[in-house]
N, C-alpha and C. Protein backbone atom coordinates (compact mmCIF):
# COMPACT_ATOMS: atom_id res chain seq x y z
N UNK A 1 11.68 11.75 89.09
CA UNK A 1 12.40 12.68 89.61
C UNK A 1 13.92 12.70 89.69
N UNK A 2 14.46 13.73 89.47
CA UNK A 2 15.90 13.82 89.44
C UNK A 2 15.84 14.13 90.98
N UNK A 3 17.47 13.63 91.16
CA UNK A 3 17.86 13.91 92.37
C UNK A 3 18.59 15.08 92.70
N UNK A 4 18.58 15.96 93.79
CA UNK A 4 19.26 16.76 93.96
C UNK A 4 20.59 16.91 93.62
N UNK A 5 21.49 17.66 93.12
CA UNK A 5 22.78 17.63 92.99
C UNK A 5 23.68 18.35 94.12
N UNK A 6 25.05 18.53 93.96
CA UNK A 6 25.63 19.03 95.03
C UNK A 6 25.53 18.93 96.23
N UNK A 7 25.67 17.59 96.67
CA UNK A 7 25.08 17.24 98.20
C UNK A 7 24.01 17.78 98.93
N UNK A 8 22.95 18.05 98.04
CA UNK A 8 21.21 18.81 98.39
C UNK A 8 21.42 20.07 97.91
N UNK A 9 22.76 20.59 97.42
CA UNK A 9 22.52 22.38 97.20
C UNK A 9 21.98 22.55 95.78
N UNK A 10 21.43 23.59 95.47
CA UNK A 10 21.08 23.51 94.61
C UNK A 10 21.92 24.31 93.47
N UNK A 11 22.99 25.16 93.98
CA UNK A 11 23.94 25.35 93.04
C UNK A 11 25.47 24.94 93.92
N UNK A 12 26.66 24.98 93.01
CA UNK A 12 27.73 24.92 94.28
C UNK A 12 27.88 26.34 94.36
N UNK A 13 28.57 26.27 95.88
CA UNK A 13 28.46 27.38 96.55
C UNK A 13 29.42 28.79 95.69
N UNK A 14 30.33 28.36 94.93
CA UNK A 14 30.95 29.19 94.14
C UNK A 14 30.29 29.39 92.92
N UNK A 15 29.39 28.68 93.01
CA UNK A 15 28.41 29.28 91.34
C UNK A 15 26.89 30.30 91.87
N UNK A 16 26.95 30.15 92.97
CA UNK A 16 25.43 31.07 93.61
C UNK A 16 25.47 32.34 93.46
N UNK A 17 24.73 32.84 92.87
CA UNK A 17 24.74 34.43 92.56
C UNK A 17 24.70 35.03 94.00
N UNK A 18 23.68 34.74 94.60
CA UNK A 18 23.85 35.23 96.19
C UNK A 18 24.94 35.54 96.93
N UNK A 19 25.71 34.67 96.91
CA UNK A 19 26.94 34.73 97.50
C UNK A 19 28.01 35.44 96.93
N UNK A 20 28.02 36.40 95.93
CA UNK A 20 28.70 37.05 95.33
C UNK A 20 29.17 38.48 95.99
N UNK A 21 27.91 38.98 96.53
CA UNK A 21 28.43 40.37 97.00
C UNK A 21 29.12 40.75 98.03
N UNK A 22 29.62 39.78 99.17
CA UNK A 22 30.49 39.86 99.72
C UNK A 22 29.98 40.58 101.15
N UNK A 23 30.87 40.79 101.91
CA UNK A 23 30.33 41.67 103.48
C UNK A 23 29.65 43.09 102.78
N UNK A 24 28.38 43.34 103.89
CA UNK A 24 27.97 44.51 103.79
C UNK A 24 28.01 45.13 105.12
N UNK A 25 27.91 46.54 104.72
CA UNK A 25 27.67 47.55 106.09
C UNK A 25 26.65 48.15 106.30
N UNK A 26 26.56 48.10 107.28
CA UNK A 26 25.18 49.60 107.31
C UNK A 26 23.81 48.62 107.61
N UNK A 27 22.60 49.38 107.80
CA UNK A 27 21.26 48.69 107.97
C UNK A 27 20.87 48.87 106.73
N UNK A 28 20.71 49.60 105.64
CA UNK A 28 20.38 49.78 104.57
C UNK A 28 20.67 48.69 103.43
N UNK A 29 22.27 48.32 103.51
CA UNK A 29 22.82 47.74 102.78
C UNK A 29 22.40 46.20 103.35
N UNK A 30 22.59 46.11 104.48
CA UNK A 30 22.35 44.44 104.84
C UNK A 30 20.50 44.26 104.50
N UNK A 31 19.88 45.37 104.66
CA UNK A 31 18.13 44.94 104.68
C UNK A 31 18.31 44.78 103.11
N UNK A 32 18.44 45.25 102.23
CA UNK A 32 18.64 45.29 100.70
C UNK A 32 19.41 43.69 100.44
N UNK A 33 20.26 43.67 100.90
CA UNK A 33 21.15 42.29 100.72
C UNK A 33 19.90 41.18 100.78
N UNK A 34 19.49 41.28 102.10
CA UNK A 34 18.68 40.32 102.05
C UNK A 34 17.50 40.00 101.24
N UNK A 35 16.85 41.25 100.80
CA UNK A 35 15.77 41.41 99.85
C UNK A 35 16.17 40.79 98.43
N UNK A 36 17.37 41.23 98.02
CA UNK A 36 17.95 40.86 97.06
C UNK A 36 18.07 39.37 96.74
N UNK A 37 18.91 38.78 97.70
CA UNK A 37 18.68 37.49 97.87
C UNK A 37 17.82 36.64 97.73
N UNK A 38 16.46 37.41 98.54
CA UNK A 38 15.47 36.23 98.41
C UNK A 38 14.51 36.46 96.82
N UNK A 39 14.76 37.67 96.39
CA UNK A 39 14.30 38.01 95.12
C UNK A 39 14.98 36.92 94.03
N UNK A 40 16.86 36.70 94.21
CA UNK A 40 17.29 36.10 93.24
C UNK A 40 17.12 34.44 93.51
N UNK A 41 16.50 34.09 94.83
CA UNK A 41 16.29 32.58 95.33
C UNK A 41 14.65 32.56 94.34
N UNK A 42 14.14 33.17 94.20
CA UNK A 42 12.73 33.28 93.54
C UNK A 42 13.04 32.66 91.96
N UNK A 43 13.86 33.46 91.60
CA UNK A 43 14.29 33.46 90.30
C UNK A 43 14.73 32.00 89.80
N UNK A 44 15.91 31.87 90.99
CA UNK A 44 16.32 30.54 90.58
C UNK A 44 15.79 28.99 90.76
N UNK A 45 14.67 28.91 91.71
CA UNK A 45 13.85 28.17 91.88
C UNK A 45 12.88 27.90 90.75
N UNK A 46 12.46 28.89 90.30
CA UNK A 46 12.16 28.96 88.50
C UNK A 46 12.65 28.54 87.36
N UNK A 47 13.87 28.86 87.20
CA UNK A 47 15.03 28.35 86.46
C UNK A 47 14.85 26.99 85.64
N UNK A 48 14.77 27.02 84.50
CA UNK A 48 14.83 26.07 83.84
C UNK A 48 13.65 25.04 83.47
N UNK A 49 12.46 25.55 83.90
CA UNK A 49 11.16 24.81 83.85
C UNK A 49 10.50 25.47 82.69
N UNK A 50 9.64 24.57 82.04
CA UNK A 50 8.66 25.09 80.79
C UNK A 50 7.41 25.68 81.21
N UNK A 51 6.36 26.36 80.92
CA UNK A 51 5.69 27.35 81.16
C UNK A 51 4.52 26.02 81.74
N UNK A 52 4.43 24.91 81.60
CA UNK A 52 3.19 23.90 82.35
C UNK A 52 4.05 23.58 83.63
N UNK A 53 5.51 23.29 83.73
CA UNK A 53 6.01 23.06 84.91
C UNK A 53 6.06 24.05 85.79
N UNK A 54 5.88 25.55 85.27
CA UNK A 54 5.73 26.57 86.05
C UNK A 54 4.27 26.74 86.79
N UNK A 55 3.55 26.58 86.06
CA UNK A 55 1.96 26.64 86.09
C UNK A 55 1.36 25.27 87.09
N UNK A 56 2.45 24.74 87.40
CA UNK A 56 1.94 23.22 87.88
C UNK A 56 1.50 23.58 89.18
N UNK A 57 0.08 22.91 89.57
CA UNK A 57 -0.49 23.51 91.42
C UNK A 57 0.49 22.52 91.89
N UNK A 58 0.57 22.92 93.42
CA UNK A 58 1.38 22.16 94.21
C UNK A 58 0.69 20.78 94.86
N UNK A 59 -0.41 21.00 95.81
CA UNK A 59 -0.76 20.00 96.25
C UNK A 59 -2.16 19.98 96.29
N UNK A 60 -2.88 19.11 95.70
CA UNK A 60 -4.23 19.94 95.85
C UNK A 60 -5.03 19.80 97.28
N UNK A 61 -6.04 20.79 97.65
CA UNK A 61 -6.40 21.78 96.86
C UNK A 61 -6.32 23.03 96.53
N UNK A 62 -4.55 22.85 96.90
CA UNK A 62 -4.08 24.26 97.12
C UNK A 62 -3.89 24.58 95.28
N UNK A 63 -3.65 26.23 95.25
CA UNK A 63 -3.57 26.43 94.03
C UNK A 63 -2.22 27.16 93.75
N UNK A 64 -1.25 26.89 94.42
CA UNK A 64 -0.17 27.61 94.49
C UNK A 64 0.70 26.89 93.92
N UNK A 65 1.70 27.81 92.97
CA UNK A 65 2.48 27.46 91.49
C UNK A 65 3.54 28.36 91.47
N UNK A 66 5.01 27.96 91.17
CA UNK A 66 5.70 28.88 91.11
C UNK A 66 5.59 29.90 90.11
N UNK A 67 4.65 30.15 88.79
CA UNK A 67 4.38 31.12 88.27
C UNK A 67 3.16 31.85 89.22
N UNK A 68 2.36 31.27 89.76
CA UNK A 68 1.63 32.23 90.86
C UNK A 68 2.36 33.12 91.65
N UNK A 69 3.40 32.09 92.27
CA UNK A 69 4.28 32.93 93.19
C UNK A 69 4.82 34.39 92.46
N UNK A 70 5.52 33.78 91.13
CA UNK A 70 6.17 35.24 90.80
C UNK A 70 4.75 36.47 90.47
N UNK A 71 4.12 36.10 90.01
CA UNK A 71 3.01 36.86 89.89
C UNK A 71 2.57 37.62 91.16
N UNK A 72 2.20 37.01 92.28
CA UNK A 72 1.80 37.45 93.78
C UNK A 72 3.01 38.32 93.95
N UNK A 73 4.26 37.68 94.15
CA UNK A 73 5.33 38.50 94.40
C UNK A 73 5.65 40.07 93.54
N UNK A 74 5.08 40.08 92.17
CA UNK A 74 4.84 41.42 91.29
C UNK A 74 3.69 42.09 92.09
N UNK A 75 2.87 41.43 92.68
CA UNK A 75 1.42 42.31 93.26
C UNK A 75 2.38 43.15 94.62
N UNK A 76 2.90 42.01 95.01
CA UNK A 76 3.21 42.65 96.71
C UNK A 76 4.16 43.92 96.49
N UNK A 77 5.27 44.02 95.37
CA UNK A 77 6.39 44.64 95.10
C UNK A 77 5.65 46.09 94.69
N UNK A 78 4.44 45.98 93.82
CA UNK A 78 3.79 46.92 93.45
C UNK A 78 3.23 47.82 94.60
N UNK A 79 2.43 46.59 95.50
CA UNK A 79 1.47 47.30 96.62
C UNK A 79 2.46 48.30 97.38
N UNK A 80 3.54 47.64 97.76
CA UNK A 80 4.22 48.27 99.06
C UNK A 80 5.02 49.19 98.89
N UNK A 81 5.35 48.90 97.50
CA UNK A 81 6.22 50.03 96.86
C UNK A 81 5.97 51.26 96.01
N UNK A 82 5.03 50.97 95.22
CA UNK A 82 4.32 52.07 94.57
C UNK A 82 3.09 52.58 95.05
N UNK A 83 2.17 51.80 96.06
CA UNK A 83 0.97 52.71 96.53
C UNK A 83 1.10 52.99 98.03
N UNK A 84 1.96 52.40 98.55
CA UNK A 84 2.12 52.61 100.19
C UNK A 84 3.38 53.49 100.48
N UNK A 85 4.64 53.13 100.10
CA UNK A 85 5.93 54.00 99.74
C UNK A 85 5.69 55.28 99.43
N UNK A 86 5.23 54.99 98.12
CA UNK A 86 5.25 56.04 97.31
C UNK A 86 3.91 57.16 97.32
N UNK A 87 2.74 56.40 98.06
CA UNK A 87 1.61 56.88 98.41
C UNK A 87 0.57 57.11 97.06
N UNK A 88 0.71 56.16 96.06
CA UNK A 88 -0.20 56.04 95.16
C UNK A 88 -1.24 55.17 95.14
N UNK A 89 -1.72 55.46 96.07
CA UNK A 89 -2.97 54.43 96.73
C UNK A 89 -4.11 54.16 95.67
N UNK A 90 -4.02 55.51 94.53
CA UNK A 90 -5.06 55.48 93.65
C UNK A 90 -4.67 54.53 92.38
N UNK A 91 -3.62 53.75 92.36
CA UNK A 91 -2.94 52.40 91.33
C UNK A 91 -3.90 51.26 92.13
N UNK A 92 -4.43 50.79 91.32
CA UNK A 92 -5.21 49.33 91.45
C UNK A 92 -4.36 48.41 91.82
N UNK A 93 -4.28 47.71 92.50
CA UNK A 93 -4.01 46.79 93.01
C UNK A 93 -3.69 45.45 91.92
N UNK A 94 -2.63 45.12 91.50
CA UNK A 94 -2.55 43.98 90.36
C UNK A 94 -3.09 42.95 90.65
N UNK A 95 -3.75 42.18 90.09
CA UNK A 95 -4.66 40.76 90.09
C UNK A 95 -5.59 40.88 91.60
N UNK A 96 -6.39 42.10 91.16
CA UNK A 96 -7.31 42.50 92.11
C UNK A 96 -8.32 41.62 92.17
N UNK A 97 -8.82 41.44 91.18
CA UNK A 97 -9.80 40.87 90.91
C UNK A 97 -10.24 39.55 91.35
N UNK A 98 -11.19 39.13 92.34
CA UNK A 98 -11.18 38.07 93.11
C UNK A 98 -10.54 36.43 92.63
N UNK A 99 -11.03 36.27 91.02
CA UNK A 99 -11.00 35.22 90.60
C UNK A 99 -9.55 34.94 90.65
N UNK A 100 -8.57 36.01 90.35
CA UNK A 100 -7.10 35.93 90.03
C UNK A 100 -6.45 35.65 91.65
N UNK A 101 -7.25 35.72 92.53
CA UNK A 101 -6.44 35.12 93.98
C UNK A 101 -5.26 35.94 94.38
N UNK A 102 -5.07 37.57 94.14
CA UNK A 102 -3.67 37.72 94.49
C UNK A 102 -2.61 37.67 93.30
N UNK A 103 -2.98 37.04 92.11
CA UNK A 103 -1.93 36.46 91.01
C UNK A 103 -1.82 34.98 90.98
N UNK A 104 -2.44 34.30 92.08
CA UNK A 104 -2.33 32.93 92.13
C UNK A 104 -2.98 32.10 90.81
N UNK A 105 -3.66 32.92 90.38
CA UNK A 105 -4.51 32.15 89.35
C UNK A 105 -4.57 32.73 87.95
N UNK A 106 -5.20 32.24 87.09
CA UNK A 106 -4.99 32.89 85.74
C UNK A 106 -6.26 31.95 84.91
N UNK A 107 -6.13 32.82 83.63
CA UNK A 107 -7.52 32.42 82.80
C UNK A 107 -6.62 31.39 82.13
N UNK A 108 -7.34 30.22 81.27
CA UNK A 108 -6.31 29.26 80.44
C UNK A 108 -5.30 28.25 80.97
N UNK A 109 -4.43 27.99 80.44
CA UNK A 109 -3.24 27.21 80.66
C UNK A 109 -1.85 28.06 80.72
N UNK A 110 -1.04 27.93 81.28
CA UNK A 110 0.30 28.55 81.42
C UNK A 110 0.87 28.50 80.23
N UNK A 111 1.56 29.42 79.53
CA UNK A 111 2.07 29.21 78.15
C UNK A 111 3.35 30.63 78.19
N UNK A 112 3.96 30.28 77.41
CA UNK A 112 5.24 31.26 76.75
C UNK A 112 4.73 32.51 77.05
N UNK A 113 3.76 33.04 76.54
CA UNK A 113 3.12 34.51 76.72
C UNK A 113 2.90 34.61 77.90
N UNK A 114 2.47 33.94 78.63
CA UNK A 114 1.74 34.36 80.25
C UNK A 114 3.28 34.48 80.90
N UNK A 115 3.99 33.49 80.85
CA UNK A 115 5.20 33.00 81.46
C UNK A 115 6.07 34.56 81.58
N UNK A 116 6.13 34.84 80.20
CA UNK A 116 7.23 36.29 79.79
C UNK A 116 6.41 37.24 80.20
N UNK A 117 5.27 37.38 80.09
CA UNK A 117 4.34 38.84 80.58
C UNK A 117 4.80 38.72 82.25
N UNK A 118 4.76 37.29 82.96
CA UNK A 118 4.59 37.40 84.32
C UNK A 118 5.89 37.86 84.79
N UNK A 119 7.07 37.50 83.99
CA UNK A 119 8.43 37.74 84.88
C UNK A 119 8.53 39.04 84.40
N UNK A 120 7.91 39.75 82.97
CA UNK A 120 8.56 41.11 82.75
C UNK A 120 7.62 41.69 83.96
N UNK A 121 6.68 41.24 84.12
CA UNK A 121 5.82 42.36 85.37
C UNK A 121 6.66 42.11 86.82
N UNK A 122 7.05 41.62 86.82
CA UNK A 122 7.59 41.03 88.09
C UNK A 122 9.16 41.85 88.24
N UNK A 123 9.69 41.64 87.18
CA UNK A 123 11.11 42.68 87.17
C UNK A 123 10.83 43.81 87.07
N UNK A 124 9.83 44.34 86.29
CA UNK A 124 9.51 45.59 86.43
C UNK A 124 9.33 46.50 87.88
N UNK A 125 8.18 45.64 88.55
CA UNK A 125 8.01 46.07 89.62
C UNK A 125 9.25 46.03 90.83
N UNK A 126 10.19 44.89 90.42
CA UNK A 126 11.31 45.15 91.10
C UNK A 126 12.40 45.96 90.90
N UNK A 127 12.25 46.61 89.84
CA UNK A 127 13.17 47.61 89.23
C UNK A 127 12.56 48.96 89.81
N UNK A 128 11.37 49.26 89.75
CA UNK A 128 11.03 49.85 90.18
C UNK A 128 11.07 50.53 91.84
N UNK A 129 11.01 49.17 92.81
CA UNK A 129 11.15 49.05 94.33
C UNK A 129 12.59 49.28 94.44
N UNK A 130 13.49 48.96 93.66
CA UNK A 130 15.04 49.25 93.67
C UNK A 130 14.82 51.22 93.77
N UNK A 131 14.18 51.43 92.49
CA UNK A 131 14.89 53.01 92.49
C UNK A 131 13.87 53.67 93.56
N UNK A 132 12.66 52.87 94.30
CA UNK A 132 12.21 53.69 95.45
C UNK A 132 13.33 53.76 96.66
N UNK A 133 13.83 52.84 97.29
CA UNK A 133 14.85 52.22 98.00
C UNK A 133 15.75 53.57 98.02
N UNK A 134 16.22 53.61 96.60
CA UNK A 134 17.60 54.34 96.57
C UNK A 134 17.24 55.60 96.87
N UNK A 135 16.01 56.19 96.88
CA UNK A 135 15.98 57.71 97.02
C UNK A 135 14.91 57.75 98.20
N UNK A 136 14.79 56.74 98.99
CA UNK A 136 13.86 56.90 100.31
C UNK A 136 14.63 56.52 101.82
N UNK A 137 15.06 57.19 102.77
CA UNK A 137 15.05 56.86 103.77
C UNK A 137 14.22 56.00 104.63
N UNK A 138 15.10 55.09 105.23
CA UNK A 138 14.62 53.90 106.00
C UNK A 138 13.57 54.44 107.13
N UNK A 139 13.81 55.65 107.64
CA UNK A 139 13.23 56.64 108.97
C UNK A 139 12.02 56.88 108.34
N UNK A 140 12.04 56.97 107.07
CA UNK A 140 10.42 57.62 106.17
C UNK A 140 9.13 57.51 106.90
N UNK A 141 8.29 58.09 107.32
CA UNK A 141 7.09 57.66 108.09
C UNK A 141 5.81 57.19 106.75
N UNK A 142 5.24 56.42 106.69
CA UNK A 142 4.22 56.13 105.58
C UNK A 142 2.99 55.91 106.35
N UNK A 143 1.64 55.54 105.79
CA UNK A 143 0.84 55.29 106.08
C UNK A 143 0.47 54.08 105.78
N UNK A 144 0.23 52.88 106.78
CA UNK A 144 -0.25 51.92 106.63
C UNK A 144 -1.46 51.15 107.27
N UNK A 145 -2.60 51.41 106.19
CA UNK A 145 -3.74 51.14 107.20
C UNK A 145 -4.36 52.18 108.19
N UNK A 146 -3.86 53.32 107.96
CA UNK A 146 -4.28 54.37 108.67
C UNK A 146 -3.23 54.68 110.29
N UNK A 147 -2.06 53.97 110.12
CA UNK A 147 -1.08 53.72 110.89
C UNK A 147 0.34 54.03 110.57
N UNK A 148 1.11 55.38 111.47
CA UNK A 148 2.33 55.36 110.72
C UNK A 148 3.20 54.12 110.87
N UNK A 149 3.82 54.19 109.80
CA UNK A 149 4.70 52.93 109.95
C UNK A 149 6.26 53.31 108.76
N UNK A 150 7.78 52.99 109.59
CA UNK A 150 8.68 53.43 108.88
C UNK A 150 9.04 52.40 107.84
N UNK A 151 9.54 52.97 106.70
CA UNK A 151 10.12 52.20 105.13
C UNK A 151 10.72 50.95 105.69
N UNK A 152 11.65 51.23 107.04
CA UNK A 152 12.35 50.20 107.18
C UNK A 152 11.60 48.85 107.63
N UNK A 153 10.41 49.43 108.54
CA UNK A 153 9.34 48.08 108.72
C UNK A 153 8.80 47.44 107.15
N UNK A 154 8.44 48.20 106.68
CA UNK A 154 8.19 47.48 105.37
C UNK A 154 9.21 46.67 104.28
N UNK A 155 10.39 46.85 104.48
CA UNK A 155 11.58 46.01 103.87
C UNK A 155 11.47 44.95 104.56
N UNK A 156 11.69 44.98 106.05
CA UNK A 156 11.61 43.80 106.75
C UNK A 156 10.44 43.40 106.47
N UNK A 157 9.42 44.00 106.25
CA UNK A 157 8.30 42.94 106.05
C UNK A 157 8.18 42.18 104.38
N UNK A 158 9.19 43.01 103.50
CA UNK A 158 9.38 42.52 101.93
C UNK A 158 10.17 40.93 102.26
N UNK A 159 11.22 41.18 103.01
CA UNK A 159 12.47 40.16 103.36
C UNK A 159 11.19 38.87 103.92
N UNK A 160 10.75 39.09 104.85
CA UNK A 160 9.47 38.16 105.43
C UNK A 160 8.88 37.63 104.51
N UNK A 161 8.19 38.31 103.56
CA UNK A 161 6.94 37.87 103.02
C UNK A 161 8.07 37.09 101.62
N UNK A 162 9.21 37.53 100.97
CA UNK A 162 10.05 36.53 100.19
C UNK A 162 10.32 35.32 100.73
N UNK A 163 11.06 35.37 102.02
CA UNK A 163 11.07 34.53 102.82
C UNK A 163 10.07 33.26 103.07
N UNK A 164 9.43 33.80 103.04
CA UNK A 164 7.84 32.73 103.49
C UNK A 164 7.73 31.95 101.87
N UNK A 165 7.65 32.79 101.00
CA UNK A 165 7.08 32.40 99.68
C UNK A 165 8.35 31.56 98.88
N UNK A 166 9.62 31.73 99.42
CA UNK A 166 10.63 30.91 98.75
C UNK A 166 10.67 29.51 99.35
N UNK A 167 10.03 29.59 100.44
CA UNK A 167 9.93 28.33 101.40
C UNK A 167 8.82 27.47 100.49
N UNK A 168 7.69 28.08 100.09
CA UNK A 168 6.50 27.31 99.27
C UNK A 168 7.43 27.21 97.97
N UNK A 169 8.49 28.10 97.41
CA UNK A 169 8.98 27.78 95.94
C UNK A 169 9.74 26.17 96.14
N UNK A 170 10.59 26.45 97.23
CA UNK A 170 11.25 25.32 97.30
C UNK A 170 10.45 23.89 97.48
N UNK A 171 9.37 23.80 98.17
CA UNK A 171 8.07 22.76 98.46
C UNK A 171 7.62 22.37 96.69
N UNK A 172 7.32 23.37 95.93
CA UNK A 172 6.49 23.00 94.89
C UNK A 172 8.03 22.69 93.90
N UNK A 173 9.14 23.38 93.62
CA UNK A 173 9.95 22.74 92.88
C UNK A 173 10.52 21.39 93.10
N UNK A 174 10.37 20.81 94.25
CA UNK A 174 10.67 19.84 94.82
C UNK A 174 9.92 19.07 94.34
N UNK A 175 8.50 19.24 94.17
CA UNK A 175 7.36 18.25 93.83
C UNK A 175 7.68 18.10 92.25
N UNK A 176 7.81 18.97 91.86
CA UNK A 176 8.22 19.04 90.00
C UNK A 176 9.18 18.28 89.66
N UNK A 177 10.39 18.58 90.09
CA UNK A 177 11.91 17.55 89.35
C UNK A 177 12.32 17.03 90.50
N UNK A 178 12.09 17.46 91.82
CA UNK A 178 13.23 16.57 92.96
C UNK A 178 14.45 17.62 93.43
N UNK A 179 14.08 19.31 92.37
CA UNK A 179 15.31 19.72 93.39
C UNK A 179 14.87 20.60 94.47
N UNK A 180 15.84 20.55 95.11
CA UNK A 180 15.87 21.53 96.51
C UNK A 180 16.73 21.70 97.09
N UNK A 181 16.84 22.49 97.92
CA UNK A 181 17.95 23.00 98.43
C UNK A 181 17.99 24.23 98.74
N UNK A 182 18.89 25.16 99.10
CA UNK A 182 19.77 26.39 99.33
C UNK A 182 18.40 27.63 98.64
């Protein structure tokens, strides 16, 4: 396994794309900034790996892998932004089949096509979510399991979801090649 570089940091601070935005003002900009930083973190944790490495399961009996996290987060983005905020509950949830375990499982081996499809799906859902946030007020009420909830609560939930899974991604990546940090 390689040793983490940059005194344990993933990237030198001046090369970290998450620090380029500078200071933000206002609630929406702050929330979106955190959400975007975690989205970028997930991409960074997967950078430079082969399909086999991306599909590597963490620690048995867990089925957690970096590729599974990408697929799962596509499902989460789709569910909260398309289905809940936009109210399109008729859209089937991604990876709804029990065998797919919310995106963490797939048939066969991880290969270039599966990786490309997974990233394309995640990026499309992220782009759609960005567009939804651009036109939706944080105070907007939406139905979450029969209860009204503000869009701001869902954005905070998305930040929390990414934060948790980026922690998982950090550990999985460290198991693969020793890279860890920020």
